[in-house]
Amino acid sequence: MIAILDPGIGNLRSVQSALRRVGGESVVVQDAEAWARLTVDGGDVDGVILPGVGAFGDAMFQLKRSGLLGVVRQAVRDGLPLLGICLGMQLLFAISEEHGQHVGLGFLPGRIVRFTGTMKIPHMGWNDLVHVAAHPLLEGVRRGDFVYFVHSYYARPEQPEHVLAAAEYGGVLVPAVVGHNQVMGTQFHPEKSGEVGERILANFVKLCAVAKDGEVAGGGVPKP
């Protein structure tokens, strides 16, 4: 069972539908109380997805308000695979510069910054991946595959090896997939990215099954 966290910052229906298409069972969790009911007596949660749209600071506020901030931190401490999607991926980082400076979850070192230059903002639409690393989340995904983006801010990770896939937009190399150990994220929307996105979600479901069996998901992340 994959828990989709819903503090009111994500489009969950499309994520659930995409998971269903790849054989993943999921449940929406809206607050800490719902998580506690789900996991009482060692409930069967194998992984966590944190989707998100909107502003970084508001999203962190909603995570705190709902009690899901503590839930997602505990899930990572417990070794559950975590996948952030779009804004959910940005929340994995330490700091965001969106509308001021805001502290994120801090699972990955780095900052979220705004696109600058003459390119159209937001970065919206299909874009091809110019780099894809060897990683279980990206099994079957290749350089040149297209995925669907909608964002005005992007990640600047401090550790280059945390960038698992990248796309180029307006001369900027945009981290499209990031990850370290069981913490992973996609800047694009896999649930809106056709067969490529479904392949990534299917891979995440497999990673959750591997982690359930006591193995470490995503170890040995290669450098780009």
Foldseek 3Di string as FASTA:
>chain_A
DEEEECLPFADVVLVCVLCVVLPHDYDYDHAPVSVCVQCPPHHDHLAYEYEGDDFLQVVVVSCVVRHVLVVVVVCVVVQHFYEYEASGLQLCEQWECTPHIDGHSHVFYWYKYFDDDDFDPPPFAKFFWQAAADFLLQVPPDGGQIFTAHHGIAIDTPDQLQQRIWTDDPNDTGRQKGDDWRYIYGNTQLSRGPPSSSSSSSSSSVQSVVVVVPDIHGPPRDGD
